[in-house]
Structures are given as structure tokens and as C-alpha cells.
PDB file of N, CA and C in Angstrom:
ATOM      1  N   MET A   1      71.823 -65.138-188.868  1.00  0.00           N
ATOM      2  CA  MET A   1      71.770 -64.660-188.208  1.00  0.00           C
ATOM      3  C   MET A   1      72.388 -64.839-186.922  1.00  0.00           C
ATOM      4  N   SER A   2      73.671 -64.398-185.868  1.00  0.00           N
ATOM      5  CA  SER A   2      73.992 -65.425-185.324  1.00  0.00           C
ATOM      6  C   SER A   2      73.157 -64.417-183.535  1.00  0.00           C
ATOM      7  N   THR A   3      72.634 -65.500-182.414  1.00  0.00           N
ATOM      8  CA  THR A   3      72.395 -64.544-180.898  1.00  0.00           C
ATOM      9  C   THR A   3      73.438 -63.643-180.404  1.00  0.00           C
ATOM     10  N   GLN A   4      74.528 -63.250-180.567  1.00  0.00           N
ATOM     11  CA  GLN A   4      74.631 -62.542-180.996  1.00  0.00           C
ATOM     12  C   GLN A   4      74.783 -60.260-181.854  1.00  0.00           C
ATOM     13  N   ASP A   5      74.470 -60.941-183.204  1.00  0.00           N
ATOM     14  CA  ASP A   5      74.072 -60.097-183.653  1.00  0.00           C
ATOM     15  C   ASP A   5      72.683 -59.168-183.549  1.00  0.00           C
ATOM     16  N   SER A   6      71.941 -60.500-182.875  1.00  0.00           N
ATOM     17  CA  SER A   6      70.490 -60.754-182.847  1.00  0.00           C
ATOM     18  C   SER A   6      70.771 -59.969-181.536  1.00  0.00           C
ATOM     19  N   LEU A   7      70.929 -59.408-180.930  1.00  0.00           N
ATOM     20  CA  LEU A   7      71.088 -59.440-179.115  1.00  0.00           C
ATOM     21  C   LEU A   7      72.141 -57.215-179.602  1.00  0.00           C
ATOM     22  N   GLU A   8      72.934 -57.254-179.822  1.00  0.00           N
ATOM     23  CA  GLU A   8      73.642 -56.253-181.055  1.00  0.00           C
ATOM     24  C   GLU A   8      72.823 -54.913-181.728  1.00  0.00           C
ATOM     25  N   LYS A   9      72.137 -56.324-182.707  1.00  0.00           N
ATOM     26  CA  LYS A   9      70.832 -54.825-183.374  1.00  0.00           C
ATOM     27  C   LYS A   9      69.568 -54.459-182.473  1.00  0.00           C
ATOM     28  N   GLU A  10      69.167 -55.237-181.354  1.00  0.00           N
ATOM     29  CA  GLU A  10      68.354 -55.564-180.814  1.00  0.00           C
ATOM     30  C   GLU A  10      68.963 -54.386-179.568  1.00  0.00           C
ATOM     31  N   THR A  11      70.095 -54.423-179.248  1.00  0.00           N
ATOM     32  CA  THR A  11      70.485 -53.336-177.801  1.00  0.00           C
ATOM     33  C   THR A  11      70.588 -52.201-178.467  1.00  0.00           C
ATOM     34  N   LEU A  12      70.909 -51.425-180.047  1.00  0.00           N
ATOM     35  CA  LEU A  12      71.056 -50.656-180.977  1.00  0.00           C
ATOM     36  C   LEU A  12      69.357 -49.561-181.033  1.00  0.00           C
ATOM     37  N   GLN A  13      68.440 -50.999-181.263  1.00  0.00           N
ATOM     38  CA  GLN A  13      66.982 -50.208-180.658  1.00  0.00           C
ATOM     39  C   GLN A  13      66.869 -49.983-180.464  1.00  0.00           C
ATOM     40  N   ARG A  14      67.164 -50.237-178.998  1.00  0.00           N
ATOM     41  CA  ARG A  14      66.483 -50.255-177.358  1.00  0.00           C
ATOM     42  C   ARG A  14      67.311 -48.830-177.033  1.00  0.00           C
ATOM     43  N   ILE A  15      68.515 -48.057-177.727  1.00  0.00           N
ATOM     44  CA  ILE A  15      69.135 -46.977-176.931  1.00  0.00           C
ATOM     45  C   ILE A  15      68.691 -45.502-178.390  1.00  0.00           C
ATOM     46  N   HIS A  16      68.899 -46.101-179.744  1.00  0.00           N
ATOM     47  CA  HIS A  16      67.762 -45.393-180.282  1.00  0.00           C
ATOM     48  C   HIS A  16      66.771 -45.139-179.941  1.00  0.00           C
ATOM     49  N   ASP A  17      65.554 -45.911-179.255  1.00  0.00           N
ATOM     50  CA  ASP A  17      64.537 -45.589-179.284  1.00  0.00           C
ATOM     51  C   ASP A  17      64.488 -45.041-177.360  1.00  0.00           C
ATOM     52  N   GLN A  18      65.637 -45.264-176.508  1.00  0.00           N
ATOM     53  CA  GLN A  18      65.909 -44.462-175.727  1.00  0.00           C
ATOM     54  C   GLN A  18      66.520 -42.999-175.471  1.00  0.00           C
ATOM     55  N   VAL A  19      67.557 -42.783-176.906  1.00  0.00           N
ATOM     56  CA  VAL A  19      67.544 -41.281-177.011  1.00  0.00           C
ATOM     57  C   VAL A  19      66.816 -41.015-177.813  1.00  0.00           C
ATOM     58  N   THR A  20      65.428 -40.812-178.526  1.00  0.00           N
ATOM     59  CA  THR A  20      65.009 -40.310-179.354  1.00  0.00           C
ATOM     60  C   THR A  20      63.194 -39.700-178.160  1.00  0.00           C
ATOM     61  N   ASN A  21      63.181 -40.978-177.140  1.00  0.00           N
ATOM     62  CA  ASN A  21      62.246 -41.471-176.843  1.00  0.00           C
ATOM     63  C   ASN A  21      62.144 -39.560-175.429  1.00  0.00           C
ATOM     64  N   ASN A  22      63.570 -39.038-174.944  1.00  0.00           N
ATOM     65  CA  ASN A  22      64.170 -38.844-174.226  1.00  0.00           C
ATOM     66  C   ASN A  22      64.780 -37.786-175.035  1.00  0.00           C
ATOM     67  N   PRO A  23      63.986 -36.639-173.893  1.00  0.00           N
ATOM     68  CA  PRO A  23      64.658 -35.607-174.710  1.00  0.00           C
ATOM     69  C   PRO A  23      66.294 -34.946-174.469  1.00  0.00           C
ATOM     70  N   VAL A  24      66.851 -35.663-173.681  1.00  0.00           N
ATOM     71  CA  VAL A  24      68.079 -35.221-172.576  1.00  0.00           C
ATOM     72  C   VAL A  24      68.590 -36.969-171.562  1.00  0.00           C
ATOM     73  N   VAL A  25      69.201 -37.504-172.205  1.00  0.00           N
ATOM     74  CA  VAL A  25      69.736 -39.263-171.818  1.00  0.00           C
ATOM     75  C   VAL A  25      71.399 -38.725-171.377  1.00  0.00           C
ATOM     76  N   LEU A  26      71.667 -39.199-170.016  1.00  0.00           N
ATOM     77  CA  LEU A  26      72.632 -39.245-169.968  1.00  0.00           C
ATOM     78  C   LEU A  26      73.005 -40.695-169.816  1.00  0.00           C
ATOM     79  N   TYR A  27      74.277 -41.682-170.345  1.00  0.00           N
ATOM     80  CA  TYR A  27      74.792 -42.275-170.259  1.00  0.00           C
ATOM     81  C   TYR A  27      75.718 -42.676-169.487  1.00  0.00           C
ATOM     82  N   MET A  28      75.370 -43.704-168.240  1.00  0.00           N
ATOM     83  CA  MET A  28      76.008 -43.157-167.174  1.00  0.00           C
ATOM     84  C   MET A  28      76.733 -44.008-166.504  1.00  0.00           C
ATOM     85  N   LYS A  29      77.906 -44.042-165.871  1.00  0.00           N
ATOM     86  CA  LYS A  29      78.310 -45.343-164.808  1.00  0.00           C
ATOM     87  C   LYS A  29      78.054 -45.004-163.791  1.00  0.00           C
ATOM     88  N   GLY A  30      76.731 -45.702-162.770  1.00  0.00           N
ATOM     89  CA  GLY A  30      76.325 -45.041-161.641  1.00  0.00           C
ATOM     90  C   GLY A  30      75.157 -44.992-161.770  1.00  0.00           C
ATOM     91  N   THR A  31      73.929 -43.610-161.169  1.00  0.00           N
ATOM     92  CA  THR A  31      73.157 -42.925-161.653  1.00  0.00           C
ATOM     93  C   THR A  31      73.928 -41.145-160.766  1.00  0.00           C
ATOM     94  N   PRO A  32      72.995 -40.358-160.638  1.00  0.00           N
ATOM     95  CA  PRO A  32      73.518 -39.049-160.613  1.00  0.00           C
ATOM     96  C   PRO A  32      73.665 -39.194-158.749  1.00  0.00           C
ATOM     97  N   GLN A  33      72.919 -39.853-158.651  1.00  0.00           N
ATOM     98  CA  GLN A  33      73.276 -40.146-156.538  1.00  0.00           C
ATOM     99  C   GLN A  33      74.044 -41.071-156.426  1.00  0.00           C
ATOM    100  N   MET A  34      74.237 -42.082-157.038  1.00  0.00           N
ATOM    101  CA  MET A  34      75.067 -42.480-156.649  1.00  0.00           C
ATOM    102  C   MET A  34      76.145 -43.096-158.281  1.00  0.00           C
ATOM    103  N   PRO A  35      76.962 -42.091-158.477  1.00  0.00           N
ATOM    104  CA  PRO A  35      77.608 -42.218-158.647  1.00  0.00           C
ATOM    105  C   PRO A  35      78.644 -43.513-158.802  1.00  0.00           C
ATOM    106  N   SER A  36      79.736 -44.258-160.417  1.00  0.00           N
ATOM    107  CA  SER A  36      79.890 -44.857-160.461  1.00  0.00           C
ATOM    108  C   SER A  36      82.056 -44.475-160.349  1.00  0.00           C
ATOM    109  N   CYS A  37      82.169 -44.177-160.655  1.00  0.00           N
ATOM    110  CA  CYS A  37      83.125 -42.675-162.010  1.00  0.00           C
ATOM    111  C   CYS A  37      82.891 -41.799-161.436  1.00  0.00           C
ATOM    112  N   GLY A  38      84.659 -41.388-161.931  1.00  0.00           N
ATOM    113  CA  GLY A  38      84.267 -38.984-161.628  1.00  0.00           C
ATOM    114  C   GLY A  38      83.973 -38.890-162.588  1.00  0.00           C
ATOM    115  N   PHE A  39      83.647 -39.388-163.923  1.00  0.00           N
ATOM    116  CA  PHE A  39      83.921 -38.369-165.314  1.00  0.00           C
ATOM    117  C   PHE A  39      82.200 -38.807-165.159  1.00  0.00           C
ATOM    118  N   SER A  40      81.575 -40.025-164.585  1.00  0.00           N
ATOM    119  CA  SER A  40      80.013 -39.743-165.145  1.00  0.00           C
ATOM    120  C   SER A  40      79.346 -38.640-163.851  1.00  0.00           C
ATOM    121  N   SER A  41      79.967 -38.937-162.756  1.00  0.00           N
ATOM    122  CA  SER A  41      79.937 -37.924-161.357  1.00  0.00           C
ATOM    123  C   SER A  41      80.000 -36.333-161.688  1.00  0.00           C
ATOM    124  N   ARG A  42      80.731 -35.860-162.136  1.00  0.00           N
ATOM    125  CA  ARG A  42      81.192 -34.737-162.771  1.00  0.00           C
ATOM    126  C   ARG A  42      79.588 -34.631-164.055  1.00  0.00           C
ATOM    127  N   ALA A  43      79.780 -35.056-164.276  1.00  0.00           N
ATOM    128  CA  ALA A  43      78.746 -34.832-165.743  1.00  0.00           C
ATOM    129  C   ALA A  43      77.819 -34.813-165.099  1.00  0.00           C
ATOM    130  N   ALA A  44      77.463 -35.814-164.324  1.00  0.00           N
ATOM    131  CA  ALA A  44      75.724 -35.912-163.726  1.00  0.00           C
ATOM    132  C   ALA A  44      74.926 -34.320-162.949  1.00  0.00           C
ATOM    133  N   GLN A  45      76.536 -33.589-162.140  1.00  0.00           N
ATOM    134  CA  GLN A  45      76.280 -32.980-161.506  1.00  0.00           C
ATOM    135  C   GLN A  45      75.961 -32.144-162.311  1.00  0.00           C
ATOM    136  N   ALA A  46      76.691 -31.554-163.255  1.00  0.00           N
ATOM    137  CA  ALA A  46      76.623 -30.747-164.572  1.00  0.00           C
ATOM    138  C   ALA A  46      74.909 -30.583-164.655  1.00  0.00           C
ATOM    139  N   LEU A  47      74.511 -31.674-165.279  1.00  0.00           N
ATOM    140  CA  LEU A  47      73.021 -31.778-165.214  1.00  0.00           C
ATOM    141  C   LEU A  47      72.352 -31.331-164.472  1.00  0.00           C
ATOM    142  N   VAL A  48      72.259 -32.082-163.153  1.00  0.00           N
ATOM    143  CA  VAL A  48      71.678 -30.999-162.473  1.00  0.00           C
ATOM    144  C   VAL A  48      71.102 -30.253-162.180  1.00  0.00           C
ATOM    145  N   GLU A  49      72.510 -29.441-161.892  1.00  0.00           N
ATOM    146  CA  GLU A  49      72.875 -27.625-161.455  1.00  0.00           C
ATOM    147  C   GLU A  49      72.050 -27.249-162.549  1.00  0.00           C
ATOM    148  N   THR A  50      71.625 -28.196-163.600  1.00  0.00           N
ATOM    149  CA  THR A  50      71.282 -27.248-164.622  1.00  0.00           C
ATOM    150  C   THR A  50      69.456 -26.517-164.102  1.00  0.00           C
ATOM    151  N   GLY A  51      69.091 -27.654-163.329  1.00  0.00           N
ATOM    152  CA  GLY A  51      68.093 -27.912-163.010  1.00  0.00           C
ATOM    153  C   GLY A  51      66.360 -27.992-163.574  1.00  0.00           C
ATOM    154  N   GLU A  52      67.240 -28.416-164.567  1.00  0.00           N
ATOM    155  CA  GLU A  52      66.469 -29.539-165.869  1.00  0.00           C
ATOM    156  C   GLU A  52      66.588 -30.633-166.091  1.00  0.00           C
ATOM    157  N   LYS A  53      65.231 -31.091-166.322  1.00  0.00           N
ATOM    158  CA  LYS A  53      65.046 -33.067-166.512  1.00  0.00           C
ATOM    159  C   LYS A  53      65.776 -33.318-167.311  1.00  0.00           C
ATOM    160  N   PHE A  54      66.523 -34.823-167.008  1.00  0.00           N
ATOM    161  CA  PHE A  54      66.855 -35.298-167.629  1.00  0.00           C
ATOM    162  C   PHE A  54      67.203 -37.116-167.445  1.00  0.00           C
ATOM    163  N   ALA A  55      67.063 -37.872-168.214  1.00  0.00           N
ATOM    164  CA  ALA A  55      67.010 -39.334-168.505  1.00  0.00           C
ATOM    165  C   ALA A  55      68.300 -39.600-167.820  1.00  0.00           C
ATOM    166  N   PHE A  56      68.879 -40.550-167.638  1.00  0.00           N
ATOM    167  CA  PHE A  56      69.996 -40.944-167.363  1.00  0.00           C
ATOM    168  C   PHE A  56      70.013 -43.616-167.624  1.00  0.00           C
ATOM    169  N   VAL A  57      71.138 -43.709-168.518  1.00  0.00           N
ATOM    170  CA  VAL A  57      70.722 -44.657-168.353  1.00  0.00           C
ATOM    171  C   VAL A  57      72.520 -45.699-167.620  1.00  0.00           C
ATOM    172  N   ASN A  58      71.749 -46.192-166.375  1.00  0.00           N
ATOM    173  CA  ASN A  58      73.318 -47.067-165.610  1.00  0.00           C
ATOM    174  C   ASN A  58      73.871 -47.915-166.311  1.00  0.00           C
ATOM    175  N   ILE A  59      75.002 -47.700-167.101  1.00  0.00           N
ATOM    176  CA  ILE A  59      75.191 -48.374-168.527  1.00  0.00           C
ATOM    177  C   ILE A  59      76.078 -49.428-167.584  1.00  0.00           C
ATOM    178  N   LEU A  60      75.984 -49.736-165.933  1.00  0.00           N
ATOM    179  CA  LEU A  60      76.575 -50.777-165.360  1.00  0.00           C
ATOM    180  C   LEU A  60      75.762 -51.988-164.972  1.00  0.00           C
ATOM    181  N   ALA A  61      74.546 -51.247-165.258  1.00  0.00           N
ATOM    182  CA  ALA A  61      72.829 -52.584-164.414  1.00  0.00           C
ATOM    183  C   ALA A  61      72.688 -52.535-166.338  1.00  0.00           C
ATOM    184  N   ASP A  62      73.537 -52.932-167.096  1.00  0.00           N
ATOM    185  CA  ASP A  62      72.381 -53.130-168.318  1.00  0.00           C
ATOM    186  C   ASP A  62      74.100 -53.480-169.248  1.00  0.00           C
ATOM    187  N   ALA A  63      74.827 -54.751-169.087  1.00  0.00           N
ATOM    188  CA  ALA A  63      75.806 -55.933-169.892  1.00  0.00           C
ATOM    189  C   ALA A  63      75.649 -55.261-171.465  1.00  0.00           C
ATOM    190  N   ALA A  64      74.426 -55.973-171.838  1.00  0.00           N
ATOM    191  CA  ALA A  64      74.576 -55.727-173.054  1.00  0.00           C
ATOM    192  C   ALA A  64      74.477 -53.849-173.393  1.00  0.00           C
ATOM    193  N   ILE A  65      74.188 -52.398-173.082  1.00  0.00           N
ATOM    194  CA  ILE A  65      74.421 -51.526-173.800  1.00  0.00           C
ATOM    195  C   ILE A  65      75.402 -50.803-173.225  1.00  0.00           C
ATOM    196  N   PHE A  66      76.287 -51.211-172.286  1.00  0.00           N
ATOM    197  CA  PHE A  66      77.325 -50.995-171.662  1.00  0.00           C
ATOM    198  C   PHE A  66      78.647 -51.687-173.113  1.00  0.00           C
ATOM    199  N   GLU A  67      77.947 -52.862-173.966  1.00  0.00           N
ATOM    200  CA  GLU A  67      78.536 -53.654-174.466  1.00  0.00           C
ATOM    201  C   GLU A  67      79.014 -52.607-176.204  1.00  0.00           C
ATOM    202  N   HIS A  68      77.443 -51.906-176.307  1.00  0.00           N
ATOM    203  CA  HIS A  68      77.290 -51.876-177.386  1.00  0.00           C
ATOM    204  C   HIS A  68      76.998 -50.107-178.123  1.00  0.00           C
ATOM    205  N   LEU A  69      76.629 -49.542-176.552  1.00  0.00           N
ATOM    206  CA  LEU A  69      76.302 -48.117-176.641  1.00  0.00           C
ATOM    207  C   LEU A  69      77.947 -47.821-177.827  1.00  0.00           C
ATOM    208  N   PRO A  70      79.075 -47.943-176.864  1.00  0.00           N
ATOM    209  CA  PRO A  70      80.455 -47.466-178.267  1.00  0.00           C
ATOM    210  C   PRO A  70      79.431 -47.440-179.526  1.00  0.00           C
ATOM    211  N   LYS A  71      79.541 -48.276-180.208  1.00  0.00           N
ATOM    212  CA  LYS A  71      79.113 -48.740-181.582  1.00  0.00           C
ATOM    213  C   LYS A  71      77.697 -47.972-182.188  1.00  0.00           C
ATOM    214  N   TYR A  72      77.096 -46.786-181.003  1.00  0.00           N
ATOM    215  CA  TYR A  72      76.149 -46.368-181.769  1.00  0.00           C
ATOM    216  C   TYR A  72      75.831 -44.993-182.107  1.00  0.00           C
ATOM    217  N   GLN A  73      77.115 -44.666-182.022  1.00  0.00           N
ATOM    218  CA  GLN A  73      77.468 -43.769-182.620  1.00  0.00           C
ATOM    219  C   GLN A  73      79.360 -42.941-183.246  1.00  0.00           C
ATOM    220  N   ASP A  74      80.020 -44.347-182.667  1.00  0.00           N
ATOM    221  CA  ASP A  74      80.996 -43.920-183.191  1.00  0.00           C
ATOM    222  C   ASP A  74      81.812 -43.709-181.792  1.00  0.00           C
ATOM    223  N   TRP A  75      81.763 -43.766-180.586  1.00  0.00           N
ATOM    224  CA  TRP A  75      81.895 -42.969-179.994  1.00  0.00           C
ATOM    225  C   TRP A  75      82.338 -43.739-178.739  1.00  0.00           C
ATOM    226  N   PRO A  76      83.633 -43.658-178.286  1.00  0.00           N
ATOM    227  CA  PRO A  76      84.276 -45.145-177.207  1.00  0.00           C
ATOM    228  C   PRO A  76      84.465 -44.980-175.670  1.00  0.00           C
ATOM    229  N   THR A  77      83.389 -43.598-175.447  1.00  0.00           N
ATOM    230  CA  THR A  77      83.951 -43.599-173.741  1.00  0.00           C
ATOM    231  C   THR A  77      82.644 -43.377-172.980  1.00  0.00           C
ATOM    232  N   PHE A  78      82.402 -43.587-171.961  1.00  0.00           N
ATOM    233  CA  PHE A  78      81.401 -42.796-171.344  1.00  0.00           C
ATOM    234  C   PHE A  78      81.864 -41.698-169.580  1.00  0.00           C
ATOM    235  N   PRO A  79      80.465 -40.997-169.471  1.00  0.00           N
ATOM    236  CA  PRO A  79      79.574 -40.878-170.325  1.00  0.00           C
ATOM    237  C   PRO A  79      79.193 -40.448-171.093  1.00  0.00           C
ATOM    238  N   GLN A  80      77.805 -40.769-171.844  1.00  0.00           N
ATOM    239  CA  GLN A  80      77.661 -39.803-173.254  1.00  0.00           C
ATOM    240  C   GLN A  80      76.449 -38.555-172.850  1.00  0.00           C
ATOM    241  N   LEU A  81      76.311 -38.076-173.187  1.00  0.00           N
ATOM    242  CA  LEU A  81      75.044 -37.401-172.737  1.00  0.00           C
ATOM    243  C   LEU A  81      74.804 -36.991-174.244  1.00  0.00           C
ATOM    244  N   TYR A  82      73.373 -37.412-174.610  1.00  0.00           N
ATOM    245  CA  TYR A  82      72.791 -37.358-175.724  1.00  0.00           C
ATOM    246  C   TYR A  82      71.134 -36.052-175.326  1.00  0.00           C
ATOM    247  N   ILE A  83      71.293 -34.960-176.044  1.00  0.00           N
ATOM    248  CA  ILE A  83      70.053 -33.981-176.608  1.00  0.00           C
ATOM    249  C   ILE A  83      69.234 -33.759-177.742  1.00  0.00           C
ATOM    250  N   ASN A  84      68.007 -34.192-177.416  1.00  0.00           N
ATOM    251  CA  ASN A  84      67.428 -33.923-178.928  1.00  0.00           C
ATOM    252  C   ASN A  84      67.788 -35.415-179.782  1.00  0.00           C
ATOM    253  N   GLY A  85      67.991 -36.271-179.353  1.00  0.00           N
ATOM    254  CA  GLY A  85      68.519 -37.613-179.983  1.00  0.00           C
ATOM    255  C   GLY A  85      70.354 -37.489-180.393  1.00  0.00           C
ATOM    256  N   GLU A  86      70.369 -36.508-180.647  1.00  0.00           N
ATOM    257  CA  GLU A  86      72.035 -36.341-180.428  1.00  0.00           C
ATOM    258  C   GLU A  86      72.813 -36.328-179.696  1.00  0.00           C
ATOM    259  N   LEU A  87      73.950 -36.528-179.827  1.00  0.00           N
ATOM    260  CA  LEU A  87      74.925 -37.324-179.298  1.00  0.00           C
ATOM    261  C   LEU A  87      75.507 -35.595-179.186  1.00  0.00           C
ATOM    262  N   GLN A  88      75.926 -35.624-177.839  1.00  0.00           N
ATOM    263  CA  GLN A  88      76.745 -34.376-177.773  1.00  0.00           C
ATOM    264  C   GLN A  88      78.556 -34.635-177.449  1.00  0.00           C
ATOM    265  N   GLY A  89      78.494 -35.760-176.829  1.00  0.00           N
ATOM    266  CA  GLY A  89      80.080 -36.159-175.821  1.00  0.00           C
ATOM    267  C   GLY A  89      79.758 -37.096-174.768  1.00  0.00           C
ATOM    268  N   GLY A  90      81.108 -36.319-174.383  1.00  0.00           N
ATOM    269  CA  GLY A  90      81.318 -36.870-172.528  1.00  0.00           C
ATOM    270  C   GLY A  90      81.566 -35.593-171.968  1.00  0.00           C
ATOM    271  N   CYS A  91      81.947 -36.428-170.836  1.00  0.00           N
ATOM    272  CA  CYS A  91      82.560 -35.569-169.663  1.00  0.00           C
ATOM    273  C   CYS A  91      82.863 -34.429-170.271  1.00  0.00           C
ATOM    274  N   ASP A  92      83.819 -34.012-170.456  1.00  0.00           N
ATOM    275  CA  ASP A  92      83.894 -32.640-171.343  1.00  0.00           C
ATOM    276  C   ASP A  92      83.562 -31.857-171.867  1.00  0.00           C
ATOM    277  N   ILE A  93      82.857 -32.454-172.695  1.00  0.00           N
ATOM    278  CA  ILE A  93      82.210 -31.705-172.812  1.00  0.00           C
ATOM    279  C   ILE A  93      80.703 -30.916-172.475  1.00  0.00           C
ATOM    280  N   THR A  94      80.846 -31.537-171.632  1.00  0.00           N
ATOM    281  CA  THR A  94      79.225 -31.494-171.100  1.00  0.00           C
ATOM    282  C   THR A  94      79.844 -30.371-170.085  1.00  0.00           C
ATOM    283  N   LEU A  95      80.378 -30.332-169.715  1.00  0.00           N
ATOM    284  CA  LEU A  95      81.054 -29.319-168.552  1.00  0.00           C
ATOM    285  C   LEU A  95      81.530 -28.341-168.892  1.00  0.00           C
ATOM    286  N   GLU A  96      81.858 -28.291-170.433  1.00  0.00           N
ATOM    287  CA  GLU A  96      82.415 -27.590-170.992  1.00  0.00           C
ATOM    288  C   GLU A  96      80.939 -25.625-171.016  1.00  0.00           C
ATOM    289  N   LEU A  97      79.738 -27.054-172.612  1.00  0.00           N
ATOM    290  CA  LEU A  97      78.849 -26.301-172.362  1.00  0.00           C
ATOM    291  C   LEU A  97      78.532 -26.008-171.020  1.00  0.00           C
ATOM    292  N   ALA A  98      77.998 -26.414-169.286  1.00  0.00           N
ATOM    293  CA  ALA A  98      77.442 -26.977-168.338  1.00  0.00           C
ATOM    294  C   ALA A  98      78.231 -24.861-168.102  1.00  0.00           C
ATOM    295  N   GLU A  99      79.432 -24.547-168.355  1.00  0.00           N
ATOM    296  CA  GLU A  99      80.212 -23.619-167.988  1.00  0.00           C
ATOM    297  C   GLU A  99      79.899 -22.425-168.665  1.00  0.00           C
ATOM    298  N   SER A 100      79.728 -22.764-170.467  1.00  0.00           N
ATOM    299  CA  SER A 100      79.516 -21.513-170.750  1.00  0.00           C
ATOM    300  C   SER A 100      77.907 -21.010-171.076  1.00  0.00           C
ATOM    301  N   GLY A 101      76.952 -21.741-169.796  1.00  0.00           N
ATOM    302  CA  GLY A 101      75.375 -21.698-169.958  1.00  0.00           C
ATOM    303  C   GLY A 101      74.416 -22.028-171.377  1.00  0.00           C
ATOM    304  N   GLU A 102      75.570 -22.677-171.427  1.00  0.00           N
ATOM    305  CA  GLU A 102      75.074 -23.510-173.077  1.00  0.00           C
ATOM    306  C   GLU A 102      74.786 -24.744-172.840  1.00  0.00           C
ATOM    307  N   LEU A 103      74.474 -25.592-172.080  1.00  0.00           N
ATOM    308  CA  LEU A 103      74.047 -27.192-171.524  1.00  0.00           C
ATOM    309  C   LEU A 103      72.431 -26.758-171.252  1.00  0.00           C
ATOM    310  N   LYS A 104      72.515 -25.561-170.066  1.00  0.00           N
ATOM    311  CA  LYS A 104      71.416 -25.223-169.815  1.00  0.00           C
ATOM    312  C   LYS A 104      70.040 -24.998-170.609  1.00  0.00           C
ATOM    313  N   LYS A 105      70.383 -23.478-171.604  1.00  0.00           N
ATOM    314  CA  LYS A 105      69.203 -23.414-172.371  1.00  0.00           C
ATOM    315  C   LYS A 105      69.574 -24.657-173.708  1.00  0.00           C
ATOM    316  N   MET A 106      70.272 -25.566-173.746  1.00  0.00           N
ATOM    317  CA  MET A 106      70.459 -26.582-174.570  1.00  0.00           C
ATOM    318  C   MET A 106      68.916 -27.737-174.013  1.00  0.00           C
ATOM    319  N   MET A 107      69.079 -27.675-172.825  1.00  0.00           N
ATOM    320  CA  MET A 107      68.113 -28.597-172.029  1.00  0.00           C
ATOM    321  C   MET A 107      67.097 -27.937-171.598  1.00  0.00           C
ATOM    322  N   ALA A 108      66.601 -26.777-171.519  1.00  0.00           N
ATOM    323  CA  ALA A 108      65.447 -26.673-171.371  1.00  0.00           C
ATOM    324  C   ALA A 108      64.362 -26.022-173.049  1.00  0.00           C
ATOM    325  N   GLU A 109      65.636 -25.737-174.289  1.00  0.00           N
ATOM    326  CA  GLU A 109      64.809 -25.636-175.284  1.00  0.00           C
ATOM    327  C   GLU A 109      63.870 -27.810-175.916  1.00  0.00           C
ATOM    328  N   ALA A 110      65.339 -29.095-175.060  1.00  0.00           N
ATOM    329  CA  ALA A 110      64.719 -29.896-175.786  1.00  0.00           C
ATOM    330  C   ALA A 110      63.626 -30.184-174.142  1.00  0.00           C
ATOM    331  N   ASN A 111      63.425 -29.805-173.144  1.00  0.00           N
ATOM    332  CA  ASN A 111      62.614 -30.296-172.762  1.00  0.00           C
ATOM    333  C   ASN A 111      61.405 -30.181-173.055  1.00  0.00           C
ATOM    334  N   SER A 112      61.467 -28.550-173.669  1.00  0.00           N
ATOM    335  CA  SER A 112      60.313 -28.202-173.907  1.00  0.00           C
ATOM    336  C   SER A 112      59.679 -28.191-174.871  1.00  0.00           C
ATOM    337  N   LYS A 113      60.306 -28.576-176.361  1.00  0.00           N
ATOM    338  CA  LYS A 113      60.193 -29.007-177.426  1.00  0.00           C
ATOM    339  C   LYS A 113      59.260 -30.363-177.068  1.00  0.00           C
ATOM    340  N   ALA A 114      59.917 -31.083-176.366  1.00  0.00           N
ATOM    341  CA  ALA A 114      58.577 -33.038-176.526  1.00  0.00           C
ATOM    342  C   ALA A 114      57.796 -32.316-174.941  1.00  0.00           C
ATOM    343  N   GLU A 115      57.494 -31.347-174.240  1.00  0.00           N
ATOM    344  CA  GLU A 115      56.310 -31.226-173.872  1.00  0.00           C
ATOM    345  C   GLU A 115      55.595 -31.370-175.021  1.00  0.00           C
ATOM    346  N   GLU A 116      55.866 -29.738-175.726  1.00  0.00           N
ATOM    347  CA  GLU A 116      54.549 -28.918-176.629  1.00  0.00           C
ATOM    348  C   GLU A 116      54.503 -30.823-177.577  1.00  0.00           C
ATOM    349  N   GLN A 117      55.387 -31.578-177.700  1.00  0.00           N
ATOM    350  CA  GLN A 117      54.184 -32.791-178.419  1.00  0.00           C
ATOM    351  C   GLN A 117      53.797 -33.544-177.751  1.00  0.00           C
ATOM    352  N   GLN A 118      53.641 -33.831-176.298  1.00  0.00           N
ATOM    353  CA  GLN A 118      53.185 -34.513-175.983  1.00  0.00           C
ATOM    354  C   GLN A 118      52.063 -34.172-175.702  1.00  0.00           C
ATOM    355  N   GLY A 119      51.403 -32.379-175.412  1.00  0.00           N
ATOM    356  CA  GLY A 119      50.795 -32.542-175.513  1.00  0.00           C
ATOM    357  C   GLY A 119      50.190 -31.458-176.003  1.00  0.00           C
TER     358      GLY A 119
END
């Protein structure tokens, strides 16, 4: 196995761990406080507006995740929102979920389920 294959495998495992260990995680360019692109900014803002907890990963600060995340669920663009370990989609889908009220509900259920499992 080449070091490139090894890095990819390791990175995909790290992504899997992040997605399964956080009830809600947003892979974005930048941070919710300092987004580095409009799509990431709008998606993060939609999550913040729910008032629910969420984790985020700044893909610009992690070249391996930036490179390999599109392979994880075969989704080529950023941001990517995962709830309960499942890819929900990118910016447009996140905004549609927020508009319908579904985003807050999904995030609240995911966070509540995670708290029950921890406690």
C-alpha cells in the first residue's frame, strides 16, 4: 500500500469517526464565526439560527480532509452537513431544511439522542 493510499484510508476513517461521534457536523470552508465562502457562511448561519449544538470541521485547515471528504459519501462539493451520521447535503439542502423547520427538528433529535447515549 502506498503512503497516499494509507493517508486516504486514515483520513476516511477520521471522517467516519467525526461523523459518527458528533450528532451534527458541518464540513465547511472556514469556521461559523469566520466562514471563507458564501455557501459555507449560509449553511453555518442556518445551523447557528436553530440554537442547536453542532460540530464543524474547517476543511481549509486540513488538506487531507479537503481532498478526501468528497470520496466519503461521493458528494463533490462543500459544505457538507451530516446529522446522525448521514449526509444531508450541501448549502441548498441545508437552507431548504432550515426554511421548512425540519433542520432544527433534526438537529434537536440528534443532539437529544446523543445526550441520552452519553448519560
